[in-house]
Protein backbone atom coordinates (compact mmCIF):
# COMPACT_ATOMS: atom_id res chain seq x y z
CA UNK A 1 -11.14 66.13 4.45
CA UNK A 2 -13.31 63.00 5.15
CA UNK A 3 -13.71 62.51 1.40
CA UNK A 4 -10.10 62.73 0.81
CA UNK A 5 -9.42 60.25 3.32
CA UNK A 6 -11.97 57.73 1.80
CA UNK A 7 -10.72 58.37 -1.62
CA UNK A 8 -7.18 57.53 -0.39
CA UNK A 9 -8.48 54.39 1.08
CA UNK A 10 -10.32 53.17 -2.03
CA UNK A 11 -7.13 53.97 -4.03
CA UNK A 12 -5.01 51.81 -1.68
CA UNK A 13 -7.50 49.01 -1.72
CA UNK A 14 -7.46 49.07 -5.68
CA UNK A 15 -3.63 49.04 -5.72
CA UNK A 16 -3.44 46.24 -3.20
CA UNK A 17 -6.18 44.07 -4.93
CA UNK A 18 -4.53 44.74 -8.27
CA UNK A 19 -0.93 43.91 -7.00
CA UNK A 20 -0.55 40.13 -7.43
CA UNK A 21 1.34 37.56 -9.60
CA UNK A 22 -0.05 36.08 -12.85
CA UNK A 23 1.34 32.90 -14.36
CA UNK A 24 1.16 32.26 -17.95
CA UNK A 25 2.44 29.11 -19.45
CA UNK A 26 3.86 28.72 -22.99
CA UNK A 27 1.77 25.80 -23.32
CA UNK A 28 -0.48 23.78 -20.78
CA UNK A 29 -0.08 20.30 -22.60
CA UNK A 30 3.12 18.58 -23.50
CA UNK A 31 2.94 15.85 -25.97
CA UNK A 32 5.82 13.25 -25.58
CA UNK A 33 4.54 11.55 -28.83
CA UNK A 34 5.70 7.86 -29.03
CA UNK A 35 8.27 6.87 -26.48
CA UNK A 36 9.72 3.56 -25.98
CA UNK A 37 9.09 1.27 -22.77
CA UNK A 38 12.69 0.45 -22.38
CA UNK A 39 13.94 4.03 -22.89
CA UNK A 40 13.43 4.93 -19.31
CA UNK A 41 11.99 8.09 -17.71
CA UNK A 42 11.29 10.90 -20.27
CA UNK A 43 11.17 14.54 -19.30
CA UNK A 44 9.27 17.47 -20.90
CA UNK A 45 9.45 21.12 -19.84
CA UNK A 46 6.70 23.69 -19.22
CA UNK A 47 7.79 27.32 -19.37
CA UNK A 48 6.07 30.10 -17.93
CA UNK A 49 6.07 34.09 -17.51
CA UNK A 50 5.04 36.09 -14.62
CA UNK A 51 2.78 38.47 -16.19
CA UNK A 52 1.70 40.10 -12.97
CA UNK A 53 3.12 43.06 -10.75
CA UNK A 54 4.30 41.00 -7.83
CA UNK A 55 6.98 38.18 -7.24
CA UNK A 56 5.58 34.83 -8.22
CA UNK A 57 6.25 31.69 -6.36
CA UNK A 58 5.34 28.12 -7.12
CA UNK A 59 3.66 27.20 -3.85
CA UNK A 60 2.71 23.50 -4.88
CA UNK A 61 3.56 21.32 -7.87
CA UNK A 62 1.48 18.10 -7.57
CA UNK A 63 1.78 15.44 -10.44
CA UNK A 64 -0.57 12.50 -10.74
CA UNK A 65 0.33 8.72 -10.73
CA UNK A 66 3.37 7.75 -12.98
CA UNK A 67 4.41 11.22 -13.28
CA UNK A 68 6.94 13.40 -11.19
CA UNK A 69 7.86 17.09 -11.18
CA UNK A 70 10.67 17.37 -8.70
CA UNK A 71 12.81 20.01 -10.81
CA UNK A 72 11.02 23.40 -11.12
CA UNK A 73 11.68 27.06 -10.35
CA UNK A 74 11.97 27.40 -6.68
CA UNK A 75 13.14 31.03 -6.15
CA UNK A 76 10.69 34.10 -6.64
CA UNK A 77 10.08 34.83 -10.29
CA UNK A 78 9.78 38.79 -10.70
CA UNK A 79 7.27 40.47 -12.92
CA UNK A 80 8.05 39.82 -16.56
CA UNK A 81 10.60 36.95 -15.30
CA UNK A 82 10.59 33.38 -16.69
CA UNK A 83 10.47 30.08 -14.90
CA UNK A 84 9.85 26.36 -15.74
CA UNK A 85 8.51 22.92 -14.45
CA UNK A 86 10.01 19.62 -15.54
CA UNK A 87 7.55 16.81 -15.89
CA UNK A 88 9.10 13.36 -16.09
CA UNK A 89 7.18 10.27 -16.96
CA UNK A 90 8.41 6.78 -16.32
CA UNK A 91 7.26 4.28 -19.26
CA UNK A 92 8.17 1.13 -17.55
CA UNK A 93 5.31 -1.44 -17.52
CA UNK A 94 3.03 1.25 -18.74
CA UNK A 95 2.52 0.40 -22.37
CA UNK A 96 -0.16 2.31 -24.44
CA UNK A 97 -1.67 5.96 -24.16
CA UNK A 98 -1.24 7.98 -21.29
CA UNK A 99 -2.64 11.28 -20.25
CA UNK A 100 -1.57 12.67 -16.72
CA UNK A 101 -2.22 15.95 -14.88
CA UNK A 102 -0.16 18.36 -12.75
CA UNK A 103 -1.80 20.75 -10.37
CA UNK A 104 0.11 24.00 -9.83
CA UNK A 105 -0.66 26.41 -7.18
CA UNK A 106 1.06 29.85 -6.89
CA UNK A 107 1.11 32.68 -4.17
CA UNK A 108 -2.20 34.37 -5.62
CA UNK A 109 -3.91 36.34 -2.75
CA UNK A 110 -6.93 34.56 -1.38
CA UNK A 111 -9.60 35.51 1.07
CA UNK A 112 -9.29 34.11 4.42
CA UNK A 113 -10.52 30.47 4.69
CA UNK A 114 -10.26 30.09 1.03
CA UNK A 115 -7.72 28.07 -1.21
CA UNK A 116 -6.07 29.19 -4.35
CA UNK A 117 -7.31 27.58 -7.65
CA UNK A 118 -4.63 25.35 -9.21
CA UNK A 119 -3.50 25.63 -12.79
CA UNK A 120 -3.76 22.38 -14.57
CA UNK A 121 -1.07 21.24 -16.83
CA UNK A 122 -1.24 17.99 -18.98
CA UNK A 123 1.21 15.42 -20.31
CA UNK A 124 0.10 12.83 -22.96
CA UNK A 125 1.82 10.33 -25.38
CA UNK A 126 2.02 6.71 -26.22
CA UNK A 127 4.47 4.06 -24.77
CA UNK A 128 5.66 1.51 -27.33
CA UNK A 129 5.66 -1.87 -25.50
CA UNK A 130 9.10 -3.26 -25.15
CA UNK A 131 9.90 -6.93 -26.47
CA UNK A 132 9.72 -9.63 -23.78
CA UNK A 133 13.05 -10.51 -22.23
CA UNK A 134 14.52 -14.09 -22.05
CA UNK A 135 13.23 -14.12 -18.50
CA UNK A 136 9.68 -13.18 -19.35
CA UNK A 137 9.70 -15.71 -22.35
CA UNK A 138 10.48 -18.52 -19.88
CA UNK A 139 7.87 -17.40 -17.57
CA UNK A 140 10.06 -15.83 -14.89
CA UNK A 141 8.85 -12.27 -14.81
CA UNK A 142 10.06 -11.69 -10.91
CA UNK A 143 13.40 -10.45 -9.82
CA UNK A 144 16.38 -8.72 -11.33
CA UNK A 145 19.05 -11.35 -11.35
CA UNK A 146 19.99 -14.59 -13.42
CA UNK A 147 18.78 -16.84 -10.80
CA UNK A 148 15.00 -16.60 -10.39
CA UNK A 149 12.00 -18.25 -9.05
CA UNK A 150 8.57 -18.12 -10.90
CA UNK A 151 6.65 -16.65 -7.86
CA UNK A 152 7.74 -14.44 -5.10
CA UNK A 153 4.36 -13.87 -3.33
CA UNK A 154 1.78 -16.66 -2.72
CA UNK A 155 -1.33 -16.90 -0.64
CA UNK A 156 -2.12 -20.52 0.73
CA UNK A 157 -4.35 -22.22 3.23
CA UNK A 158 -4.01 -25.35 5.43
CA UNK A 159 -5.64 -26.81 8.40
CA UNK A 160 -3.90 -26.68 11.77
CA UNK A 161 -3.37 -30.48 11.61
CA UNK A 162 -2.26 -30.73 8.09
CA UNK A 163 1.41 -30.09 6.73
CA UNK A 164 1.55 -27.77 3.83
CA UNK A 165 3.69 -28.50 0.93
CA UNK A 166 4.36 -25.96 -1.72
CA UNK A 167 6.54 -26.27 -4.95
CA UNK A 168 8.02 -23.28 -6.69
CA UNK A 169 10.01 -23.32 -10.04
CA UNK A 170 13.61 -22.05 -10.10
CA UNK A 171 15.87 -21.42 -13.14
CA UNK A 172 19.69 -20.52 -13.40
CA UNK A 173 20.14 -18.18 -16.43
CA UNK A 174 23.73 -17.90 -15.83
CA UNK A 175 26.44 -19.89 -17.80
CA UNK A 176 27.77 -21.34 -14.62
CA UNK A 177 26.27 -23.61 -11.95
CA UNK A 178 25.17 -22.16 -8.69
CA UNK A 179 24.23 -23.61 -5.16
CA UNK A 180 20.84 -22.34 -3.71
CA UNK A 181 20.97 -22.24 -0.14
CA UNK A 182 18.00 -21.21 2.23
CA UNK A 183 19.00 -18.78 5.02
CA UNK A 184 18.03 -18.94 8.85
CA UNK A 185 15.12 -21.44 8.28
CA UNK A 186 12.76 -21.89 11.39
CA UNK A 187 12.32 -25.38 12.70
CA UNK A 188 8.88 -25.65 11.25
CA UNK A 189 9.81 -25.05 7.65
CA UNK A 190 11.72 -27.68 5.50
CA UNK A 191 13.22 -26.86 2.06
CA UNK A 192 14.20 -29.70 -0.53
CA UNK A 193 15.29 -29.22 -4.06
CA UNK A 194 15.04 -31.46 -7.23
CA UNK A 195 18.51 -30.58 -8.18
CA UNK A 196 20.62 -31.85 -5.18
CA UNK A 197 23.80 -29.80 -4.42
CA UNK A 198 23.82 -27.47 -7.73
CA UNK A 199 21.48 -25.90 -10.28
CA UNK A 200 23.56 -26.17 -13.50
CA UNK A 201 23.78 -23.51 -16.16
CA UNK A 202 20.44 -22.89 -17.91
CA UNK A 203 18.85 -25.58 -15.64
CA UNK A 204 15.27 -25.47 -14.25
CA UNK A 205 14.45 -27.13 -10.93
CA UNK A 206 12.07 -27.34 -8.12
CA UNK A 207 12.16 -26.13 -4.58
CA UNK A 208 9.65 -27.98 -2.21
CA UNK A 209 8.77 -26.02 0.99
CA UNK A 210 7.11 -27.83 3.85
CA UNK A 211 5.30 -25.82 6.44
CA UNK A 212 4.24 -27.56 9.72
CA UNK A 213 1.44 -25.77 11.51
CA UNK A 214 1.50 -27.90 14.59
CA UNK A 215 4.95 -26.82 15.04
CA UNK A 216 4.47 -23.17 14.26
CA UNK A 217 1.45 -23.34 16.59
CA UNK A 218 -0.44 -20.21 15.30
CA UNK A 219 -3.94 -19.92 14.16
CA UNK A 220 -4.98 -17.25 11.52
CA UNK A 221 -2.70 -15.34 9.14
CA UNK A 222 1.02 -16.45 9.05
CA UNK A 223 3.65 -14.74 6.86
CA UNK A 224 6.75 -16.76 6.26
CA UNK A 225 9.74 -14.92 4.61
CA UNK A 226 12.25 -17.45 3.23
CA UNK A 227 15.43 -16.00 1.74
CA UNK A 228 17.79 -17.97 -0.59
CA UNK A 229 21.50 -17.23 -1.22
CA UNK A 230 23.19 -18.13 -4.79
CA UNK A 231 26.34 -17.19 -6.60
CA UNK A 232 24.60 -14.93 -8.95
CA UNK A 233 26.52 -11.62 -9.41
CA UNK A 234 23.29 -9.53 -10.00
CA UNK A 235 20.99 -10.58 -7.24
CA UNK A 236 22.83 -12.97 -4.94
CA UNK A 237 19.74 -13.31 -2.54
CA UNK A 238 16.14 -13.61 -3.38
CA UNK A 239 13.17 -13.86 -1.24
CA UNK A 240 9.90 -15.93 -1.17
CA UNK A 241 6.97 -14.41 0.68
CA UNK A 242 4.30 -16.94 1.80
CA UNK A 243 0.95 -15.76 3.36
CA UNK A 244 -0.61 -18.90 4.96
CA UNK A 245 -3.97 -18.88 6.56
CA UNK A 246 -4.06 -21.71 9.20
CA UNK A 247 -7.45 -22.81 9.84
CA UNK A 248 -8.09 -24.66 13.28
CA UNK A 249 -9.17 -28.13 12.56
CA UNK A 250 -12.19 -29.26 14.77
CA UNK A 251 -12.98 -32.38 12.69
CA UNK A 252 -11.55 -34.44 15.38
CA UNK A 253 -13.94 -33.02 18.13
CA UNK A 254 -16.19 -35.64 19.58
CA UNK A 255 -19.85 -34.80 20.50
CA UNK A 256 -18.96 -34.72 24.09
CA UNK A 257 -16.08 -32.14 23.36
CA UNK A 258 -18.51 -30.02 21.19
CA UNK A 259 -20.88 -29.85 24.17
CA UNK A 260 -18.31 -28.51 26.28
CA UNK A 261 -16.72 -26.14 23.76
CA UNK A 262 -16.53 -22.35 24.16
CA UNK A 263 -19.20 -20.00 22.54
CA UNK A 264 -18.03 -16.60 21.48
CA UNK A 265 -20.73 -13.97 21.59
CA UNK A 266 -20.12 -10.19 20.46
CA UNK A 267 -22.13 -7.50 22.00
CA UNK A 268 -22.34 -5.74 18.70
CA UNK A 269 -21.87 -6.41 14.94
CA UNK A 270 -21.56 -2.72 14.03
CA UNK A 271 -19.55 0.23 15.51
CA UNK A 272 -20.10 3.69 14.09
CA UNK A 273 -17.74 6.54 14.67
CA UNK A 274 -19.68 9.05 12.68
CA UNK A 275 -18.11 12.14 11.57
CA UNK A 276 -14.35 12.49 12.39
CA UNK A 277 -12.00 15.43 11.77
CA UNK A 278 -8.61 14.86 10.00
CA UNK A 279 -5.61 13.64 12.10
CA UNK A 280 -7.66 12.83 15.23
CA UNK A 281 -8.38 9.40 16.87
CA UNK A 282 -11.60 8.18 18.38
CA UNK A 283 -12.10 4.84 20.20
CA UNK A 284 -15.00 2.60 21.16
CA UNK A 285 -15.37 -0.71 22.85
CA UNK A 286 -17.07 -3.99 22.08
CA UNK A 287 -17.50 -6.98 24.52
CA UNK A 288 -16.73 -10.54 23.46
CA UNK A 289 -18.47 -13.08 25.99
CA UNK A 290 -17.81 -16.60 26.56
CA UNK A 291 -21.23 -18.55 26.88
CA UNK A 292 -19.73 -21.90 26.66
CA UNK A 293 -18.29 -24.44 29.06
CA UNK A 294 -14.63 -24.21 28.44
CA UNK A 295 -12.10 -21.33 28.07
CA UNK A 296 -12.22 -19.26 24.92
CA UNK A 297 -8.98 -18.34 23.22
CA UNK A 298 -8.70 -15.35 20.80
CA UNK A 299 -6.34 -16.53 18.26
CA UNK A 300 -6.11 -13.50 16.14
CA UNK A 301 -7.66 -10.02 15.20
CA UNK A 302 -7.62 -8.97 11.65
CA UNK A 303 -8.85 -5.61 10.75
CA UNK A 304 -9.53 -5.07 6.91
CA UNK A 305 -8.23 -1.42 7.02
CA UNK A 306 -4.98 -0.25 8.81
CA UNK A 307 -6.87 2.90 9.98
CA UNK A 308 -8.73 0.81 12.49
CA UNK A 309 -6.56 -0.97 15.32
CA UNK A 310 -7.86 -3.15 18.15
CA UNK A 311 -6.67 -3.86 21.67
CA UNK A 312 -7.83 -6.38 24.02
CA UNK A 313 -7.71 -6.62 27.69
CA UNK A 314 -7.29 -10.45 27.59
CA UNK A 315 -6.84 -13.21 25.25
CA UNK A 316 -8.44 -16.15 27.36
CA UNK A 317 -11.82 -15.82 28.38
CA UNK A 318 -13.32 -18.25 31.10
CA UNK A 319 -16.81 -19.37 30.81
CA UNK A 320 -19.32 -16.69 31.73
CA UNK A 321 -16.66 -14.12 31.54
CA UNK A 322 -15.87 -11.53 28.87
CA UNK A 323 -12.94 -9.61 27.28
CA UNK A 324 -13.19 -5.93 26.39
CA UNK A 325 -11.95 -5.03 22.79
CA UNK A 326 -11.05 -1.34 22.30
CA UNK A 327 -11.29 -0.24 18.56
CA UNK A 328 -9.61 2.95 17.58
CA UNK A 329 -10.04 4.84 14.45
CA UNK A 330 -7.14 6.86 13.28
CA UNK A 331 -8.50 9.58 10.81
CA UNK A 332 -5.12 10.05 8.78
CA UNK A 333 -6.25 9.63 5.04
CA UNK A 334 -8.24 11.30 2.71
CA UNK A 335 -11.71 12.62 3.43
CA UNK A 336 -14.90 10.43 2.87
CA UNK A 337 -16.37 7.26 4.25
CA UNK A 338 -14.05 4.56 5.75
CA UNK A 339 -15.90 1.39 6.07
CA UNK A 340 -14.17 -1.84 7.13
CA UNK A 341 -14.44 -5.06 8.86
CA UNK A 342 -12.82 -6.88 11.82
CA UNK A 343 -12.42 -10.55 12.07
CA UNK A 344 -11.98 -12.11 15.55
CA UNK A 345 -10.53 -15.70 15.22
CA UNK A 346 -11.31 -17.88 18.24
CA UNK A 347 -11.38 -21.76 19.19
CA UNK A 348 -15.16 -21.67 19.08
CA UNK A 349 -15.75 -24.81 16.81
CA UNK A 350 -19.20 -23.70 15.69
CA UNK A 351 -18.06 -19.99 14.68
CA UNK A 352 -14.41 -19.84 14.75
CA UNK A 353 -14.43 -16.45 12.82
CA UNK A 354 -16.53 -13.54 14.18
CA UNK A 355 -17.03 -10.44 12.03
CA UNK A 356 -18.24 -7.10 12.75
CA UNK A 357 -18.53 -3.73 10.65
CA UNK A 358 -16.97 -0.54 11.55
CA UNK A 359 -17.84 2.67 9.87
CA UNK A 360 -16.45 6.39 9.95
CA UNK A 361 -16.41 9.39 7.89
CA UNK A 362 -13.51 11.88 7.82
CA UNK A 363 -14.50 15.36 7.10
CA UNK A 364 -12.75 17.73 4.76
């Protein structure tokens, strides 16, 4: 009787271990051949059969960069049934050869604590570069409308005592004149144009933007967003993004002022969080002491990675006092080492930017 029971258990174990879905693709590589960049997204289909003896489900379909696979068989595929995965590739701004992968995971039984091995699919082809547009030939690659500026994102630097002037070219590709009107300008920004009231048809002009750092009264990184309105029917509004690094000007300080100036001192130039589990937060503190003879002002704190945030208990530090900075690491990205730096900008004329390193490793 005991032998019969053991035999029955073995038979049941074999049946359970054998009963599982199996996926068999007709082809694991789809060759798009030559496609034109201006043709838009192109789709290829992978078809498969469930050659197992249990219903098959596509648990995860993960395409690589530039490829999407939003359309695929989502219901259970019975033994002997057929299913598909559509892979779409967008050739825009991607001329030349491409070879992308798609990781497919199905409901194959796995041991506890293990993950199923994905099946790899591949798409490949060659994108024929489109001819340049009239905008690109004229050097205006940004935007979608017929009134365009040559640059939309600029990085600049100026001293806190020096107004900054920046010129950007603009062109009207329409067959009618248009006005160009800045919207909601702050008091510390002025806009002038070389074309007075209207930009004529097919005319190129210059927009001059003057930024006054004294009126802005902010040291460190400043982002200014300037929006213009036109009569263009395609893109009636366009925006210029200006990232300006305002450096405090200490050149006017007298020797006596330098002697009485604040002095910023960090308690450490390295913070190590060690190994951190995913989706957790850890915090540590560092002291910023003022060993000078006048108040130390923290102008700005700039982490190089968004995973690190900094809070301070005060922004003005009197002589002999200190501020506590709390650095928090948010382990919300992929596993591995996550080094970064944190800049502290102050009114210390000899060392206006203090930098310390932060390190952490996110575990799998």
